[in-house]
Amino acid sequence: MPMIDVYATAGTFSDTKTLAQDLASTLMRIEQVPDIPMFRKNTAAFVHELAPTALSNVDGDGTYIRVQVLTNAGALDRDKQLAVVRQLTDLVAAASGDPSAAERTWVLLTEAPEGGWGLAGHANTNAELVAAARAEIAEIAEIAAAKNEA
C-alpha cells in the first residue's frame, strides 16, 4: 500500500485534494492491486505546500515539484516504474496548469525493506500483506455469495 508525497511551493496546485486522490488511484491502477477496501483505504497521497523560499536550485529557481513514492519491496517491475514516473509527472504538471512543470518534476521511487512497512501498528512483510488481501477478497466473495442466495 503505497504512500505518495508531493512537495511544491504553495499555490502550485489549485486543487490539492483532487490531485492527491488522482495520484493515489493512478498508482493503485499501475500496481495492479485488487480494488478492495484494504488497498483503497491505505493507498494515499500527501501534498506538502512549501513556502516560496523553501526550495531552490543553484540558479535560484524554486518552481520544482518533487514526488516521492514509497512502495513495498518488489511492487514495481521496470514497466511499472516507467509508468509511475511518466503518469505521476503528467498528473502533477496538469494539476499545476503549467505543462512545462513536467520538465521540473522529480519522481523518486523508494522501496520499503521487507518488514519495513508499518500499518495499524504492525510492521508487515509482503507475505502478510498478500495474506491479508486474500482474506479480504475471500470475505467479500462470501458476502456477495450470501446476498445472491438471499
Protein backbone atom coordinates (compact mmCIF):
# COMPACT_ATOMS: atom_id res chain seq x y z
CA MET A 1 0.00 0.00 0.00
CA PRO A 2 1.99 2.90 -1.30
CA MET A 3 2.34 6.36 0.11
CA ILE A 4 2.96 9.31 -2.17
CA ASP A 5 4.40 12.63 -1.03
CA VAL A 6 4.34 15.67 -3.31
CA TYR A 7 6.37 18.76 -2.46
CA ALA A 8 5.91 22.09 -4.25
CA THR A 9 5.63 25.73 -3.35
CA ALA A 10 2.27 26.94 -2.09
CA GLY A 11 -0.06 27.87 -4.91
CA THR A 12 1.45 25.44 -7.41
CA PHE A 13 -1.79 23.41 -7.39
CA SER A 14 -5.29 24.87 -7.21
CA ASP A 15 -6.94 21.63 -6.02
CA THR A 16 -4.62 19.57 -3.83
CA LYS A 17 -7.35 17.15 -2.69
CA THR A 18 -8.20 16.09 -6.25
CA LEU A 19 -4.50 15.83 -7.10
CA ALA A 20 -3.89 13.57 -4.09
CA GLN A 21 -6.84 11.36 -5.00
CA ASP A 22 -5.77 11.16 -8.66
CA LEU A 23 -2.20 10.25 -7.71
CA ALA A 24 -3.34 7.51 -5.32
CA SER A 25 -5.81 5.95 -7.76
CA THR A 26 -3.27 6.10 -10.61
CA LEU A 27 -0.62 4.35 -8.55
CA MET A 28 -3.09 1.70 -7.42
CA ARG A 29 -4.03 1.05 -11.05
CA ILE A 30 -0.39 0.83 -12.17
CA GLU A 31 0.49 -1.54 -9.33
CA GLN A 32 -2.48 -3.70 -10.40
CA VAL A 33 -3.56 -4.45 -6.85
CA PRO A 34 -7.12 -5.64 -6.25
CA ASP A 35 -9.70 -2.87 -5.92
CA ILE A 36 -10.62 -3.76 -2.34
CA PRO A 37 -11.03 -1.58 0.77
CA MET A 38 -7.64 -2.66 2.17
CA PHE A 39 -5.85 -1.05 -0.77
CA ARG A 40 -8.30 1.80 -1.35
CA LYS A 41 -8.06 2.96 2.26
CA ASN A 42 -4.29 2.59 2.52
CA THR A 43 -3.04 3.98 -0.78
CA ALA A 44 -2.71 7.70 -0.17
CA ALA A 45 -1.00 10.85 -1.35
CA PHE A 46 0.07 13.82 0.71
CA VAL A 47 0.56 17.23 -0.91
CA HIS A 48 3.05 19.36 1.02
CA GLU A 49 2.89 23.04 0.20
CA LEU A 50 6.17 24.80 0.92
CA ALA A 51 6.90 28.48 1.44
CA PRO A 52 8.14 30.09 -1.80
CA THR A 53 11.59 30.45 -0.24
CA ALA A 54 11.76 26.82 0.92
CA LEU A 55 13.35 25.39 -2.23
CA SER A 56 15.81 26.44 -4.85
CA ASN A 57 18.23 25.13 -7.42
CA VAL A 58 21.73 26.62 -7.84
CA ASP A 59 20.36 29.42 -10.02
CA GLY A 60 17.60 30.38 -7.58
CA ASP A 61 14.71 28.69 -9.40
CA GLY A 62 12.15 27.33 -6.95
CA THR A 63 9.50 26.07 -9.37
CA TYR A 64 10.32 22.40 -8.95
CA ILE A 65 7.95 19.62 -7.94
CA ARG A 66 9.15 16.54 -6.09
CA VAL A 67 7.06 13.37 -5.97
CA GLN A 68 8.23 10.58 -3.70
CA VAL A 69 6.58 7.18 -3.95
CA LEU A 70 7.11 4.58 -1.22
CA THR A 71 6.07 1.01 -2.02
CA ASN A 72 6.81 -2.36 -0.52
CA ALA A 73 9.87 -4.08 -1.97
CA GLY A 74 9.30 -5.59 -5.40
CA ALA A 75 5.94 -3.92 -6.03
CA LEU A 76 7.12 -2.17 -9.20
CA ASP A 77 8.84 -4.04 -12.02
CA ARG A 78 10.63 -1.94 -14.68
CA ASP A 79 7.50 -1.37 -16.79
CA LYS A 80 5.58 -0.23 -13.72
CA GLN A 81 8.46 2.07 -12.67
CA LEU A 82 8.36 3.75 -16.08
CA ALA A 83 4.57 4.06 -15.94
CA VAL A 84 4.62 5.56 -12.43
CA VAL A 85 7.21 8.18 -13.31
CA ARG A 86 5.50 9.17 -16.58
CA GLN A 87 1.92 9.20 -15.31
CA LEU A 88 2.59 10.93 -11.99
CA THR A 89 4.72 13.54 -13.76
CA ASP A 90 1.88 14.17 -16.20
CA LEU A 91 -0.66 14.41 -13.36
CA VAL A 92 1.27 16.99 -11.33
CA ALA A 93 2.10 19.05 -14.41
CA ALA A 94 -1.56 19.10 -15.44
CA ALA A 95 -2.64 19.95 -11.89
CA SER A 96 -0.19 22.85 -11.84
CA GLY A 97 -1.72 24.30 -15.01
CA ASP A 98 1.80 24.61 -16.43
CA PRO A 99 2.79 21.89 -18.92
CA SER A 100 6.44 22.93 -18.60
CA ALA A 101 6.30 21.81 -14.95
CA ALA A 102 6.91 18.27 -16.24
CA GLU A 103 10.48 19.36 -17.06
CA ARG A 104 10.94 20.40 -13.41
CA THR A 105 9.31 17.38 -11.76
CA TRP A 106 11.40 14.80 -9.97
CA VAL A 107 9.84 11.44 -9.15
CA LEU A 108 11.68 9.31 -6.61
CA LEU A 109 10.78 5.63 -6.27
CA THR A 110 11.60 4.14 -2.89
CA GLU A 111 11.02 0.61 -1.65
CA ALA A 112 10.46 -0.24 1.99
CA PRO A 113 12.52 -3.25 3.03
CA GLU A 114 10.79 -6.50 3.96
CA GLY A 115 9.09 -5.88 7.30
CA GLY A 116 9.71 -2.12 6.99
CA TRP A 117 6.12 -1.34 6.07
CA GLY A 118 4.00 -0.41 9.06
CA LEU A 119 0.23 -0.30 9.09
CA ALA A 120 -2.09 -0.24 12.09
CA GLY A 121 0.88 -0.59 14.44
CA HIS A 122 2.37 -3.66 12.75
CA ALA A 123 5.48 -3.90 10.53
CA ASN A 124 4.18 -6.03 7.66
CA THR A 125 6.07 -8.44 5.45
CA ASN A 126 5.00 -8.85 1.84
CA ALA A 127 3.63 -12.31 2.68
CA GLU A 128 1.47 -10.82 5.45
CA LEU A 129 0.11 -8.16 3.09
CA VAL A 130 -0.71 -10.78 0.46
CA ALA A 131 -2.41 -12.98 3.06
CA ALA A 132 -4.46 -10.03 4.35
CA ALA A 133 -5.53 -9.11 0.81
CA ARG A 134 -6.53 -12.70 0.02
CA ALA A 135 -8.53 -12.93 3.25
CA GLU A 136 -10.37 -9.70 2.41
CA ILE A 137 -11.11 -10.87 -1.14
CA ALA A 138 -12.47 -14.16 0.23
CA GLU A 139 -14.65 -12.28 2.74
CA ILE A 140 -16.02 -10.00 0.01
CA ALA A 141 -16.79 -13.03 -2.18
CA GLU A 142 -18.51 -14.77 0.74
CA ILE A 143 -20.71 -11.73 1.44
CA ALA A 144 -21.60 -11.44 -2.25
CA ALA A 145 -22.48 -15.14 -2.44
CA ALA A 146 -24.70 -14.85 0.66
CA LYS A 147 -26.52 -11.86 -0.90
CA ASN A 148 -27.07 -13.80 -4.13
CA GLU A 149 -28.54 -16.73 -2.20
CA ALA A 150 -30.95 -14.50 -0.29
